[in-house]
PDB file of N, CA and C in Angstrom:
ATOM      1  N   MET A   1       6.431  23.702 -34.849  1.00  0.00           N
ATOM      2  CA  MET A   1       7.598  23.367 -35.147  1.00  0.00           C
ATOM      3  C   MET A   1       8.277  22.822 -33.807  1.00  0.00           C
ATOM      4  N   THR A   2       8.291  23.636 -32.700  1.00  0.00           N
ATOM      5  CA  THR A   2       8.910  23.105 -31.503  1.00  0.00           C
ATOM      6  C   THR A   2       8.219  21.830 -31.040  1.00  0.00           C
ATOM      7  N   ARG A   3       6.891  21.694 -31.164  1.00  0.00           N
ATOM      8  CA  ARG A   3       6.098  20.499 -30.797  1.00  0.00           C
ATOM      9  C   ARG A   3       6.768  19.480 -31.514  1.00  0.00           C
ATOM     10  N   ILE A   4       6.798  19.485 -32.823  1.00  0.00           N
ATOM     11  CA  ILE A   4       7.316  18.319 -33.600  1.00  0.00           C
ATOM     12  C   ILE A   4       8.717  18.001 -33.126  1.00  0.00           C
ATOM     13  N   ALA A   5       9.595  19.002 -32.813  1.00  0.00           N
ATOM     14  CA  ALA A   5      10.882  18.597 -32.463  1.00  0.00           C
ATOM     15  C   ALA A   5      10.875  18.035 -30.908  1.00  0.00           C
ATOM     16  N   MET A   6      10.013  18.471 -30.243  1.00  0.00           N
ATOM     17  CA  MET A   6       9.950  17.884 -28.786  1.00  0.00           C
ATOM     18  C   MET A   6       9.376  16.336 -28.910  1.00  0.00           C
ATOM     19  N   MET A   7       8.391  16.265 -29.615  1.00  0.00           N
ATOM     20  CA  MET A   7       7.896  14.912 -29.893  1.00  0.00           C
ATOM     21  C   MET A   7       9.037  13.915 -30.302  1.00  0.00           C
ATOM     22  N   GLY A   8       9.722  14.424 -31.413  1.00  0.00           N
ATOM     23  CA  GLY A   8      11.007  13.609 -32.005  1.00  0.00           C
ATOM     24  C   GLY A   8      11.867  13.326 -30.883  1.00  0.00           C
ATOM     25  N   LEU A   9      12.108  14.097 -30.162  1.00  0.00           N
ATOM     26  CA  LEU A   9      13.306  14.085 -28.980  1.00  0.00           C
ATOM     27  C   LEU A   9      12.639  13.156 -28.087  1.00  0.00           C
ATOM     28  N   GLY A  10      11.418  13.247 -27.606  1.00  0.00           N
ATOM     29  CA  GLY A  10      10.972  12.304 -26.767  1.00  0.00           C
ATOM     30  C   GLY A  10      10.790  10.809 -27.191  1.00  0.00           C
ATOM     31  N   TYR A  11      10.408  10.596 -28.305  1.00  0.00           N
ATOM     32  CA  TYR A  11      10.427   9.382 -28.927  1.00  0.00           C
ATOM     33  C   TYR A  11      11.791   8.935 -29.069  1.00  0.00           C
ATOM     34  N   GLY A  12      12.798   9.720 -29.464  1.00  0.00           N
ATOM     35  CA  GLY A  12      14.175   9.321 -29.592  1.00  0.00           C
ATOM     36  C   GLY A  12      14.674   8.860 -28.161  1.00  0.00           C
ATOM     37  N   PHE A  13      14.419   9.426 -27.231  1.00  0.00           N
ATOM     38  CA  PHE A  13      14.901   8.854 -25.878  1.00  0.00           C
ATOM     39  C   PHE A  13      14.028   7.563 -25.513  1.00  0.00           C
ATOM     40  N   LEU A  14      12.806   7.591 -25.958  1.00  0.00           N
ATOM     41  CA  LEU A  14      12.197   6.140 -25.882  1.00  0.00           C
ATOM     42  C   LEU A  14      12.846   4.987 -26.355  1.00  0.00           C
ATOM     43  N   VAL A  15      13.355   5.264 -27.707  1.00  0.00           N
ATOM     44  CA  VAL A  15      14.023   4.228 -28.535  1.00  0.00           C
ATOM     45  C   VAL A  15      15.232   3.907 -27.797  1.00  0.00           C
ATOM     46  N   LEU A  16      15.966   4.967 -27.386  1.00  0.00           N
ATOM     47  CA  LEU A  16      17.157   4.635 -26.637  1.00  0.00           C
ATOM     48  C   LEU A  16      17.018   3.953 -25.367  1.00  0.00           C
ATOM     49  N   GLY A  17      15.866   4.180 -24.714  1.00  0.00           N
ATOM     50  CA  GLY A  17      15.525   3.501 -23.426  1.00  0.00           C
ATOM     51  C   GLY A  17      15.191   2.011 -23.724  1.00  0.00           C
ATOM     52  N   VAL A  18      14.579   1.780 -24.753  1.00  0.00           N
ATOM     53  CA  VAL A  18      14.179   0.413 -25.068  1.00  0.00           C
ATOM     54  C   VAL A  18      15.546  -0.492 -25.524  1.00  0.00           C
ATOM     55  N   LEU A  19      16.416   0.244 -26.343  1.00  0.00           N
ATOM     56  CA  LEU A  19      17.636  -0.302 -26.655  1.00  0.00           C
ATOM     57  C   LEU A  19      18.541  -0.500 -25.277  1.00  0.00           C
ATOM     58  N   GLY A  20      18.462   0.369 -24.473  1.00  0.00           N
ATOM     59  CA  GLY A  20      19.218   0.125 -22.962  1.00  0.00           C
ATOM     60  C   GLY A  20      18.817  -0.828 -22.334  1.00  0.00           C
ATOM     61  N   LEU A  21      17.482  -1.170 -22.398  1.00  0.00           N
ATOM     62  CA  LEU A  21      17.222  -2.343 -21.635  1.00  0.00           C
ATOM     63  C   LEU A  21      17.782  -3.719 -22.168  1.00  0.00           C
ATOM     64  N   PHE A  22      18.232  -3.601 -23.470  1.00  0.00           N
ATOM     65  CA  PHE A  22      19.002  -4.791 -23.910  1.00  0.00           C
ATOM     66  C   PHE A  22      20.481  -4.615 -23.835  1.00  0.00           C
ATOM     67  N   LEU A  23      20.980  -3.490 -23.966  1.00  0.00           N
ATOM     68  CA  LEU A  23      22.534  -3.255 -23.941  1.00  0.00           C
ATOM     69  C   LEU A  23      22.839  -2.744 -22.791  1.00  0.00           C
ATOM     70  N   PRO A  24      24.034  -3.376 -22.160  1.00  0.00           N
ATOM     71  CA  PRO A  24      24.544  -3.110 -20.897  1.00  0.00           C
ATOM     72  C   PRO A  24      25.140  -1.770 -20.703  1.00  0.00           C
ATOM     73  N   PHE A  25      25.435  -0.942 -21.766  1.00  0.00           N
ATOM     74  CA  PHE A  25      26.184   0.214 -21.635  1.00  0.00           C
ATOM     75  C   PHE A  25      25.281   1.398 -21.810  1.00  0.00           C
ATOM     76  N   LEU A  26      23.923   1.354 -21.798  1.00  0.00           N
ATOM     77  CA  LEU A  26      22.994   2.311 -21.981  1.00  0.00           C
ATOM     78  C   LEU A  26      22.081   2.227 -20.714  1.00  0.00           C
ATOM     79  N   GLN A  27      21.794   3.267 -20.295  1.00  0.00           N
ATOM     80  CA  GLN A  27      20.862   3.241 -18.959  1.00  0.00           C
ATOM     81  C   GLN A  27      19.282   3.311 -19.395  1.00  0.00           C
ATOM     82  N   GLY A  28      18.777   2.179 -19.807  1.00  0.00           N
ATOM     83  CA  GLY A  28      17.359   2.049 -20.346  1.00  0.00           C
ATOM     84  C   GLY A  28      16.367   2.911 -19.456  1.00  0.00           C
ATOM     85  N   ILE A  29      16.387   2.538 -18.215  1.00  0.00           N
ATOM     86  CA  ILE A  29      15.300   3.222 -17.512  1.00  0.00           C
ATOM     87  C   ILE A  29      15.239   4.756 -17.636  1.00  0.00           C
ATOM     88  N   LEU A  30      16.513   5.176 -17.307  1.00  0.00           N
ATOM     89  CA  LEU A  30      16.665   6.624 -17.352  1.00  0.00           C
ATOM     90  C   LEU A  30      16.208   7.257 -18.530  1.00  0.00           C
ATOM     91  N   PHE A  31      16.605   6.567 -19.755  1.00  0.00           N
ATOM     92  CA  PHE A  31      16.194   7.210 -20.983  1.00  0.00           C
ATOM     93  C   PHE A  31      14.747   7.125 -21.184  1.00  0.00           C
ATOM     94  N   LEU A  32      14.161   5.919 -20.847  1.00  0.00           N
ATOM     95  CA  LEU A  32      12.653   5.747 -20.922  1.00  0.00           C
ATOM     96  C   LEU A  32      12.031   6.816 -20.016  1.00  0.00           C
ATOM     97  N   LEU A  33      12.371   7.282 -18.817  1.00  0.00           N
ATOM     98  CA  LEU A  33      11.785   8.120 -18.002  1.00  0.00           C
ATOM     99  C   LEU A  33      11.939   9.655 -18.594  1.00  0.00           C
ATOM    100  N   VAL A  34      13.168   9.896 -19.172  1.00  0.00           N
ATOM    101  CA  VAL A  34      13.193  11.179 -19.797  1.00  0.00           C
ATOM    102  C   VAL A  34      12.370  11.323 -20.907  1.00  0.00           C
ATOM    103  N   GLY A  35      12.287  10.268 -21.882  1.00  0.00           N
ATOM    104  CA  GLY A  35      11.352  10.307 -22.917  1.00  0.00           C
ATOM    105  C   GLY A  35       9.831  10.482 -22.573  1.00  0.00           C
ATOM    106  N   LEU A  36       9.629   9.864 -21.384  1.00  0.00           N
ATOM    107  CA  LEU A  36       8.118  10.039 -21.047  1.00  0.00           C
ATOM    108  C   LEU A  36       7.922  11.433 -20.449  1.00  0.00           C
ATOM    109  N   LEU A  37       8.893  12.007 -19.699  1.00  0.00           N
ATOM    110  CA  LEU A  37       8.791  13.477 -19.228  1.00  0.00           C
ATOM    111  C   LEU A  37       8.578  14.283 -20.280  1.00  0.00           C
ATOM    112  N   ILE A  38       9.352  14.124 -21.463  1.00  0.00           N
ATOM    113  CA  ILE A  38       9.315  15.101 -22.565  1.00  0.00           C
ATOM    114  C   ILE A  38       7.844  14.913 -23.308  1.00  0.00           C
ATOM    115  N   LEU A  39       7.572  13.604 -23.483  1.00  0.00           N
ATOM    116  CA  LEU A  39       6.287  13.422 -24.294  1.00  0.00           C
ATOM    117  C   LEU A  39       4.986  13.665 -23.526  1.00  0.00           C
ATOM    118  N   ALA A  40       5.085  13.527 -22.011  1.00  0.00           N
ATOM    119  CA  ALA A  40       3.800  14.002 -21.307  1.00  0.00           C
ATOM    120  C   ALA A  40       3.335  15.263 -21.525  1.00  0.00           C
ATOM    121  N   ARG A  41       4.051  16.320 -22.049  1.00  0.00           N
ATOM    122  CA  ARG A  41       3.543  17.565 -22.427  1.00  0.00           C
ATOM    123  C   ARG A  41       2.805  17.648 -23.754  1.00  0.00           C
ATOM    124  N   HIS A  42       3.062  16.551 -24.579  1.00  0.00           N
ATOM    125  CA  HIS A  42       2.388  16.466 -25.915  1.00  0.00           C
ATOM    126  C   HIS A  42       1.466  15.308 -26.221  1.00  0.00           C
ATOM    127  N   ALA A  43       1.801  14.174 -25.559  1.00  0.00           N
ATOM    128  CA  ALA A  43       0.923  12.997 -25.758  1.00  0.00           C
ATOM    129  C   ALA A  43       0.178  12.426 -24.383  1.00  0.00           C
ATOM    130  N   PRO A  44      -1.142  12.497 -24.445  1.00  0.00           N
ATOM    131  CA  PRO A  44      -1.897  12.012 -23.389  1.00  0.00           C
ATOM    132  C   PRO A  44      -1.515  10.716 -22.797  1.00  0.00           C
ATOM    133  N   TRP A  45      -1.187   9.681 -23.653  1.00  0.00           N
ATOM    134  CA  TRP A  45      -0.673   8.535 -23.164  1.00  0.00           C
ATOM    135  C   TRP A  45       0.448   8.416 -22.217  1.00  0.00           C
ATOM    136  N   ALA A  46       1.486   9.243 -22.600  1.00  0.00           N
ATOM    137  CA  ALA A  46       2.638   9.536 -21.770  1.00  0.00           C
ATOM    138  C   ALA A  46       2.385  10.078 -20.435  1.00  0.00           C
ATOM    139  N   GLU A  47       1.455  11.015 -20.357  1.00  0.00           N
ATOM    140  CA  GLU A  47       1.158  11.797 -19.183  1.00  0.00           C
ATOM    141  C   GLU A  47       0.391  10.678 -18.322  1.00  0.00           C
ATOM    142  N   ARG A  48      -0.683   9.851 -18.850  1.00  0.00           N
ATOM    143  CA  ARG A  48      -1.268   8.797 -18.085  1.00  0.00           C
ATOM    144  C   ARG A  48      -0.256   7.699 -17.430  1.00  0.00           C
ATOM    145  N   MET A  49       0.769   7.448 -18.287  1.00  0.00           N
ATOM    146  CA  MET A  49       1.771   6.576 -17.859  1.00  0.00           C
ATOM    147  C   MET A  49       2.708   7.031 -16.698  1.00  0.00           C
ATOM    148  N   LEU A  50       2.923   8.290 -16.889  1.00  0.00           N
ATOM    149  CA  LEU A  50       3.726   9.044 -15.655  1.00  0.00           C
ATOM    150  C   LEU A  50       2.785   9.125 -14.428  1.00  0.00           C
ATOM    151  N   GLU A  51       1.490   9.367 -14.540  1.00  0.00           N
ATOM    152  CA  GLU A  51       0.699   9.374 -13.305  1.00  0.00           C
ATOM    153  C   GLU A  51       0.527   8.054 -12.668  1.00  0.00           C
ATOM    154  N   ARG A  52       0.383   6.918 -13.582  1.00  0.00           N
ATOM    155  CA  ARG A  52       0.378   5.451 -13.020  1.00  0.00           C
ATOM    156  C   ARG A  52       1.632   5.193 -12.402  1.00  0.00           C
ATOM    157  N   LEU A  53       2.790   5.555 -12.944  1.00  0.00           N
ATOM    158  CA  LEU A  53       3.988   5.342 -12.257  1.00  0.00           C
ATOM    159  C   LEU A  53       4.138   5.978 -10.917  1.00  0.00           C
ATOM    160  N   LYS A  54       3.564   7.200 -10.861  1.00  0.00           N
ATOM    161  CA  LYS A  54       3.614   7.911  -9.466  1.00  0.00           C
ATOM    162  C   LYS A  54       2.763   7.214  -8.493  1.00  0.00           C
ATOM    163  N   GLY A  55       1.675   6.622  -9.059  1.00  0.00           N
ATOM    164  CA  GLY A  55       0.789   5.886  -8.109  1.00  0.00           C
ATOM    165  C   GLY A  55       1.265   4.638  -7.649  1.00  0.00           C
ATOM    166  N   ARG A  56       1.975   4.026  -8.499  1.00  0.00           N
ATOM    167  CA  ARG A  56       2.506   2.596  -8.014  1.00  0.00           C
ATOM    168  C   ARG A  56       3.795   2.704  -7.137  1.00  0.00           C
ATOM    169  N   HIS A  57       4.435   3.876  -7.311  1.00  0.00           N
ATOM    170  CA  HIS A  57       5.737   4.088  -6.673  1.00  0.00           C
ATOM    171  C   HIS A  57       5.739   5.424  -6.000  1.00  0.00           C
ATOM    172  N   PRO A  58       4.962   5.513  -4.854  1.00  0.00           N
ATOM    173  CA  PRO A  58       4.862   6.806  -4.182  1.00  0.00           C
ATOM    174  C   PRO A  58       6.221   7.406  -3.664  1.00  0.00           C
ATOM    175  N   HIS A  59       7.112   6.532  -3.466  1.00  0.00           N
ATOM    176  CA  HIS A  59       8.668   7.103  -3.087  1.00  0.00           C
ATOM    177  C   HIS A  59       9.337   7.704  -4.127  1.00  0.00           C
ATOM    178  N   LEU A  60       8.834   7.533  -5.360  1.00  0.00           N
ATOM    179  CA  LEU A  60       9.379   8.152  -6.496  1.00  0.00           C
ATOM    180  C   LEU A  60       8.616   9.455  -6.854  1.00  0.00           C
ATOM    181  N   LYS A  61       7.529   9.624  -6.519  1.00  0.00           N
ATOM    182  CA  LYS A  61       6.663  10.608  -6.658  1.00  0.00           C
ATOM    183  C   LYS A  61       7.437  12.130  -6.768  1.00  0.00           C
ATOM    184  N   SER A  62       8.046  12.364  -5.493  1.00  0.00           N
ATOM    185  CA  SER A  62       8.621  13.756  -5.410  1.00  0.00           C
ATOM    186  C   SER A  62       9.827  13.861  -6.422  1.00  0.00           C
ATOM    187  N   SER A  63      10.411  12.732  -6.723  1.00  0.00           N
ATOM    188  CA  SER A  63      11.651  12.945  -7.605  1.00  0.00           C
ATOM    189  C   SER A  63      10.970  12.979  -9.125  1.00  0.00           C
ATOM    190  N   ILE A  64       9.943  12.513  -9.254  1.00  0.00           N
ATOM    191  CA  ILE A  64       9.337  12.615 -10.681  1.00  0.00           C
ATOM    192  C   ILE A  64       8.826  13.945 -10.895  1.00  0.00           C
ATOM    193  N   GLU A  65       8.176  14.586  -9.797  1.00  0.00           N
ATOM    194  CA  GLU A  65       7.651  15.871  -9.878  1.00  0.00           C
ATOM    195  C   GLU A  65       8.908  16.983 -10.046  1.00  0.00           C
ATOM    196  N   LYS A  66      10.002  16.715  -9.414  1.00  0.00           N
ATOM    197  CA  LYS A  66      11.155  17.570  -9.620  1.00  0.00           C
ATOM    198  C   LYS A  66      11.666  17.491 -10.843  1.00  0.00           C
ATOM    199  N   ALA A  67      11.730  16.331 -11.548  1.00  0.00           N
ATOM    200  CA  ALA A  67      11.975  16.185 -12.965  1.00  0.00           C
ATOM    201  C   ALA A  67      11.027  16.831 -13.871  1.00  0.00           C
ATOM    202  N   GLU A  68       9.833  16.844 -13.644  1.00  0.00           N
ATOM    203  CA  GLU A  68       8.753  17.441 -14.342  1.00  0.00           C
ATOM    204  C   GLU A  68       9.020  18.877 -14.430  1.00  0.00           C
ATOM    205  N   ALA A  69       9.243  19.486 -13.261  1.00  0.00           N
ATOM    206  CA  ALA A  69       9.548  20.784 -13.254  1.00  0.00           C
ATOM    207  C   ALA A  69      10.731  21.323 -14.016  1.00  0.00           C
ATOM    208  N   LEU A  70      11.687  20.479 -13.768  1.00  0.00           N
ATOM    209  CA  LEU A  70      12.932  20.713 -14.622  1.00  0.00           C
ATOM    210  C   LEU A  70      12.727  20.631 -16.128  1.00  0.00           C
ATOM    211  N   ALA A  71      11.899  19.507 -16.510  1.00  0.00           N
ATOM    212  CA  ALA A  71      11.618  19.517 -17.888  1.00  0.00           C
ATOM    213  C   ALA A  71      10.886  20.638 -18.376  1.00  0.00           C
ATOM    214  N   ASP A  72       9.880  21.109 -17.534  1.00  0.00           N
ATOM    215  CA  ASP A  72       9.115  22.346 -17.842  1.00  0.00           C
ATOM    216  C   ASP A  72      10.117  23.569 -18.147  1.00  0.00           C
ATOM    217  N   ARG A  73      10.947  23.972 -17.360  1.00  0.00           N
ATOM    218  CA  ARG A  73      11.844  24.970 -17.244  1.00  0.00           C
ATOM    219  C   ARG A  73      12.741  24.705 -18.698  1.00  0.00           C
ATOM    220  N   TRP A  74      13.223  23.601 -18.849  1.00  0.00           N
ATOM    221  CA  TRP A  74      14.095  23.240 -19.988  1.00  0.00           C
ATOM    222  C   TRP A  74      13.252  23.581 -21.247  1.00  0.00           C
ATOM    223  N   SER A  75      11.887  23.122 -21.326  1.00  0.00           N
ATOM    224  CA  SER A  75      11.300  23.129 -22.414  1.00  0.00           C
ATOM    225  C   SER A  75      10.966  24.761 -22.675  1.00  0.00           C
ATOM    226  N   GLU A  76      10.631  25.480 -21.753  1.00  0.00           N
ATOM    227  CA  GLU A  76      10.480  26.993 -21.869  1.00  0.00           C
ATOM    228  C   GLU A  76      11.617  27.625 -22.558  1.00  0.00           C
ATOM    229  N   ARG A  77      12.796  27.223 -21.976  1.00  0.00           N
ATOM    230  CA  ARG A  77      14.071  27.833 -22.530  1.00  0.00           C
ATOM    231  C   ARG A  77      14.484  27.458 -23.954  1.00  0.00           C
ATOM    232  N   THR A  78      14.094  26.199 -24.322  1.00  0.00           N
ATOM    233  CA  THR A  78      14.316  25.634 -25.732  1.00  0.00           C
ATOM    234  C   THR A  78      13.269  26.414 -26.693  1.00  0.00           C
ATOM    235  N   ARG A  79      12.047  26.575 -26.096  1.00  0.00           N
ATOM    236  CA  ARG A  79      11.110  27.446 -27.022  1.00  0.00           C
ATOM    237  C   ARG A  79      11.529  28.800 -27.201  1.00  0.00           C
ATOM    238  N   ALA A  80      12.039  29.479 -26.145  1.00  0.00           N
ATOM    239  CA  ALA A  80      12.561  30.762 -26.299  1.00  0.00           C
ATOM    240  C   ALA A  80      13.694  30.932 -27.264  1.00  0.00           C
ATOM    241  N   PHE A  81      14.528  30.018 -27.137  1.00  0.00           N
ATOM    242  CA  PHE A  81      15.628  29.805 -28.016  1.00  0.00           C
ATOM    243  C   PHE A  81      15.259  29.702 -29.497  1.00  0.00           C
ATOM    244  N   PHE A  82      14.354  29.035 -29.734  1.00  0.00           N
ATOM    245  CA  PHE A  82      13.785  28.644 -31.204  1.00  0.00           C
ATOM    246  C   PHE A  82      13.219  29.843 -31.545  1.00  0.00           C
ATOM    247  N   LYS A  83      12.309  30.610 -30.783  1.00  0.00           N
ATOM    248  CA  LYS A  83      11.733  31.934 -31.219  1.00  0.00           C
ATOM    249  C   LYS A  83      12.599  32.878 -31.653  1.00  0.00           C
ATOM    250  N   ARG A  84      13.828  32.917 -30.819  1.00  0.00           N
ATOM    251  CA  ARG A  84      14.785  34.123 -31.067  1.00  0.00           C
ATOM    252  C   ARG A  84      15.551  33.580 -32.396  1.00  0.00           C
ATOM    253  N   LEU A  85      15.748  32.248 -32.574  1.00  0.00           N
ATOM    254  CA  LEU A  85      16.411  31.925 -33.839  1.00  0.00           C
ATOM    255  C   LEU A  85      15.510  32.127 -35.035  1.00  0.00           C
ATOM    256  N   VAL A  86      14.262  31.753 -35.041  1.00  0.00           N
ATOM    257  CA  VAL A  86      13.354  32.052 -36.153  1.00  0.00           C
ATOM    258  C   VAL A  86      13.297  33.583 -36.550  1.00  0.00           C
ATOM    259  N   ARG A  87      13.449  34.434 -35.375  1.00  0.00           N
ATOM    260  CA  ARG A  87      13.350  35.909 -35.531  1.00  0.00           C
ATOM    261  C   ARG A  87      14.665  36.258 -36.282  1.00  0.00           C
ATOM    262  N   ARG A  88      15.679  35.782 -35.878  1.00  0.00           N
ATOM    263  CA  ARG A  88      17.047  36.109 -36.488  1.00  0.00           C
ATOM    264  C   ARG A  88      17.053  35.731 -37.979  1.00  0.00           C
ATOM    265  N   VAL A  89      16.510  34.490 -38.403  1.00  0.00           N
ATOM    266  CA  VAL A  89      16.646  34.101 -39.724  1.00  0.00           C
ATOM    267  C   VAL A  89      15.499  34.790 -40.502  1.00  0.00           C
ATOM    268  N   ARG A  90      14.507  35.254 -40.125  1.00  0.00           N
ATOM    269  CA  ARG A  90      13.546  35.965 -40.785  1.00  0.00           C
ATOM    270  C   ARG A  90      13.988  37.410 -40.956  1.00  0.00           C
ATOM    271  N   GLY A  91      14.686  37.820 -39.936  1.00  0.00           N
ATOM    272  CA  GLY A  91      14.838  39.232 -39.701  1.00  0.00           C
ATOM    273  C   GLY A  91      15.655  40.311 -40.306  1.00  0.00           C
TER     274      GLY A  91
END
């Protein structure tokens, strides 16, 4: 359940990122990066793309790694929240 939700969220950010490349009021690159960070936990192609990005832009590597750590913490909190919610609903 949470895997599907996270993948939906990641793809949603990718769609917003693509739209943001053409619309001036959306930050396209930011949404693309957030979508890749979320999807990298579930989709091998997204993980490879992030690794390629780190290799091409070494000055961004530490920032991307910090964002990955933040995404991991956020993902764990979200997973714990959904587990508690399911327990309450079933309970």
